[in-house]
Amino acid sequence: MARLKALSPEEASGKSKELFNGIESKLGMVPNMMRTMGNSPAVLEGYLNLSGALGSGSLGAKTGELIALAVAETNSCDYCLAAHTYIGANLVKIDADILAQARLGKNSDPKTETALTFARTLVTKNGLVTSEDVSLVKEAGYTDGEVAEIVGNVALNIFTNYINNTAQTDIDFPSI
């Protein structure tokens, strides 16, 4: 059972209502995670802004979804695992085997696997990565900007993992 209330779009008001309307116009619904974030318009708006900015970054949607799965697995976030498995398969059109491997930080493409390994390293080391950790990512072909985007994607996903794990958000995506 959820520990934090997921506001219904009908009961939301003010800035949360405005944000919910925007989400619903794009997705056709407001997912429970965002409904829970809507208890604080600042939290929901911050999430939407960072998510939007990173979505237009150079890493691309596929790598972003794979990082999300690697981070969610590391943080044991069932909500995010379900959400990103669904989004990865149905919106980004990533093969189910690739999605499953991403949870373990694995990928058949060495460059992508390096990004996933770095993402998991960021989580397990609480961001205190070594110069060697960063060098490995750069040697795989990532620019300084792309390394920063990997960090940004990890931070965004830690945020959503922590919100969902704290709230015990009811999963409204197909089970994984």
Protein backbone atom coordinates (compact mmCIF):
# COMPACT_ATOMS: atom_id res chain seq x y z
CA MET A 1 0.00 0.00 0.00
CA ALA A 2 1.26 3.44 -0.92
CA ARG A 3 2.74 5.50 1.91
CA LEU A 4 2.28 8.82 0.07
CA LYS A 5 -0.95 9.78 -1.65
CA ALA A 6 -1.10 9.86 -5.43
CA LEU A 7 -3.29 12.88 -6.19
CA SER A 8 -6.01 12.32 -8.72
CA PRO A 9 -5.96 14.83 -11.58
CA GLU A 10 -9.47 15.88 -10.52
CA GLU A 11 -8.40 16.85 -7.00
CA ALA A 12 -5.20 18.63 -8.01
CA SER A 13 -5.18 22.41 -8.02
CA GLY A 14 -2.90 25.30 -8.86
CA LYS A 15 0.51 24.47 -10.32
CA SER A 16 0.04 20.71 -9.85
CA LYS A 17 -3.22 20.84 -11.84
CA GLU A 18 -1.47 22.79 -14.60
CA LEU A 19 1.38 20.25 -14.71
CA PHE A 20 -1.04 17.31 -14.65
CA ASN A 21 -2.92 18.81 -17.61
CA GLY A 22 0.33 19.01 -19.58
CA ILE A 23 1.27 15.43 -18.69
CA GLU A 24 -2.18 14.13 -19.59
CA SER A 25 -2.11 15.91 -22.94
CA LYS A 26 1.21 14.21 -23.77
CA LEU A 27 0.65 10.75 -22.27
CA GLY A 28 -3.13 10.42 -22.16
CA MET A 29 -2.88 9.84 -18.40
CA VAL A 30 -0.92 10.92 -15.35
CA PRO A 31 1.22 8.03 -14.03
CA ASN A 32 1.09 7.33 -10.30
CA MET A 33 4.69 8.47 -9.81
CA MET A 34 3.87 11.92 -11.17
CA ARG A 35 0.59 12.00 -9.25
CA THR A 36 2.60 11.34 -6.09
CA MET A 37 5.15 14.00 -7.01
CA GLY A 38 2.20 16.38 -7.54
CA ASN A 39 1.85 16.69 -3.76
CA SER A 40 4.69 19.17 -4.19
CA PRO A 41 4.46 21.17 -7.42
CA ALA A 42 8.15 22.05 -6.99
CA VAL A 43 9.12 18.36 -6.99
CA LEU A 44 6.97 17.53 -10.01
CA GLU A 45 8.13 20.56 -11.97
CA GLY A 46 11.78 19.86 -11.11
CA TYR A 47 11.41 16.26 -12.30
CA LEU A 48 9.68 17.28 -15.53
CA ASN A 49 12.27 19.98 -16.28
CA LEU A 50 15.30 17.75 -15.70
CA SER A 51 13.69 14.84 -17.54
CA GLY A 52 12.87 17.09 -20.50
CA ALA A 53 16.34 18.61 -20.62
CA LEU A 54 18.08 15.23 -20.51
CA GLY A 55 15.64 13.85 -23.07
CA SER A 56 16.93 16.38 -25.56
CA GLY A 57 20.57 15.59 -24.77
CA SER A 58 23.04 13.79 -26.98
CA LEU A 59 22.82 10.34 -25.32
CA GLY A 60 19.42 9.60 -26.85
CA ALA A 61 16.28 7.90 -25.57
CA LYS A 62 17.63 4.35 -25.90
CA THR A 63 20.69 4.94 -23.74
CA GLY A 64 18.59 6.92 -21.28
CA GLU A 65 16.16 4.02 -20.85
CA LEU A 66 18.99 1.52 -20.46
CA ILE A 67 20.62 3.70 -17.79
CA ALA A 68 17.25 4.00 -16.04
CA LEU A 69 16.97 0.22 -15.87
CA ALA A 70 20.55 -0.23 -14.59
CA VAL A 71 19.95 2.35 -11.85
CA ALA A 72 16.51 1.02 -10.91
CA GLU A 73 17.89 -2.50 -10.56
CA THR A 74 20.75 -1.25 -8.40
CA ASN A 75 18.29 0.68 -6.19
CA SER A 76 15.65 -2.11 -6.13
CA CYS A 77 12.92 0.20 -7.49
CA ASP A 78 10.11 -2.03 -8.75
CA TYR A 79 8.06 0.95 -9.99
CA CYS A 80 10.89 2.26 -12.18
CA LEU A 81 11.78 -1.23 -13.42
CA ALA A 82 8.18 -1.70 -14.59
CA ALA A 83 7.92 1.80 -16.05
CA HIS A 84 11.22 1.74 -17.96
CA THR A 85 10.73 -1.81 -19.18
CA TYR A 86 7.36 -0.75 -20.59
CA ILE A 87 8.67 2.54 -22.04
CA GLY A 88 11.78 0.86 -23.44
CA ALA A 89 9.79 -1.89 -25.15
CA ASN A 90 6.75 0.05 -26.33
CA LEU A 91 7.91 3.62 -26.94
CA VAL A 92 11.64 3.33 -27.65
CA LYS A 93 11.26 -0.14 -29.25
CA ILE A 94 14.16 -1.84 -27.46
CA ASP A 95 14.32 -5.64 -27.61
CA ALA A 96 13.28 -7.44 -24.40
CA ASP A 97 16.66 -9.21 -24.08
CA ILE A 98 18.51 -5.88 -24.29
CA LEU A 99 16.22 -4.44 -21.61
CA ALA A 100 16.84 -7.44 -19.34
CA GLN A 101 20.61 -7.21 -19.81
CA ALA A 102 20.59 -3.47 -19.04
CA ARG A 103 19.29 -4.24 -15.55
CA LEU A 104 22.62 -6.01 -14.98
CA GLY A 105 24.65 -3.25 -16.63
CA LYS A 106 25.29 -5.39 -19.70
CA ASN A 107 24.98 -4.66 -23.42
CA SER A 108 26.37 -6.25 -26.60
CA ASP A 109 27.72 -2.86 -27.66
CA PRO A 110 30.93 -2.22 -25.65
CA LYS A 111 30.43 1.57 -25.62
CA THR A 112 26.88 1.27 -24.26
CA GLU A 113 27.98 -1.32 -21.71
CA THR A 114 30.66 1.06 -20.50
CA ALA A 115 28.01 3.74 -19.91
CA LEU A 116 25.84 1.26 -17.99
CA THR A 117 28.80 0.09 -15.92
CA PHE A 118 29.67 3.70 -15.13
CA ALA A 119 26.04 4.41 -14.16
CA ARG A 120 26.03 1.47 -11.74
CA THR A 121 29.43 2.55 -10.40
CA LEU A 122 28.08 6.04 -9.71
CA VAL A 123 25.23 4.51 -7.68
CA THR A 124 27.31 2.00 -5.74
CA LYS A 125 30.06 4.54 -4.98
CA ASN A 126 27.56 7.28 -4.06
CA GLY A 127 29.00 9.44 -6.85
CA LEU A 128 32.56 9.17 -5.52
CA VAL A 129 34.00 7.71 -8.71
CA THR A 130 37.73 7.57 -9.37
CA SER A 131 39.73 9.15 -12.17
CA GLU A 132 40.06 5.64 -13.60
CA ASP A 133 36.26 5.22 -13.65
CA VAL A 134 35.89 8.46 -15.62
CA SER A 135 38.82 7.62 -17.93
CA LEU A 136 37.21 4.29 -18.88
CA VAL A 137 34.05 6.09 -20.01
CA LYS A 138 36.00 8.66 -21.98
CA GLU A 139 38.19 5.95 -23.55
CA ALA A 140 34.99 4.23 -24.72
CA GLY A 141 34.27 7.33 -26.80
CA TYR A 142 32.10 9.50 -24.57
CA THR A 143 32.73 13.25 -24.54
CA ASP A 144 32.91 15.29 -21.35
CA GLY A 145 29.37 16.49 -22.07
CA GLU A 146 28.11 12.94 -22.51
CA VAL A 147 29.79 11.87 -19.26
CA ALA A 148 27.92 14.73 -17.59
CA GLU A 149 24.68 13.51 -19.20
CA ILE A 150 25.27 10.00 -17.87
CA VAL A 151 25.67 11.52 -14.40
CA GLY A 152 22.52 13.59 -14.96
CA ASN A 153 20.53 10.53 -16.02
CA VAL A 154 21.77 8.61 -12.99
CA ALA A 155 20.80 11.50 -10.69
CA LEU A 156 17.34 11.77 -12.26
CA ASN A 157 16.77 8.05 -11.85
CA ILE A 158 18.06 7.97 -8.27
CA PHE A 159 15.52 10.74 -7.57
CA THR A 160 12.63 8.77 -9.07
CA ASN A 161 13.81 5.54 -7.41
CA TYR A 162 13.91 7.25 -4.02
CA ILE A 163 10.49 8.88 -4.51
CA ASN A 164 8.92 5.57 -5.50
CA ASN A 165 10.69 3.50 -2.85
CA THR A 166 9.72 6.03 -0.16
CA ALA A 167 6.12 6.34 -1.34
CA GLN A 168 5.74 2.66 -2.26
CA THR A 169 4.01 4.02 -5.35
CA ASP A 170 1.35 1.70 -6.74
CA ILE A 171 2.70 0.33 -10.03
CA ASP A 172 0.46 1.36 -12.92
CA PHE A 173 2.57 -0.17 -15.68
CA PRO A 174 2.37 -3.82 -16.78
CA SER A 175 4.33 -6.06 -14.42
CA ILE A 176 7.81 -7.06 -15.47
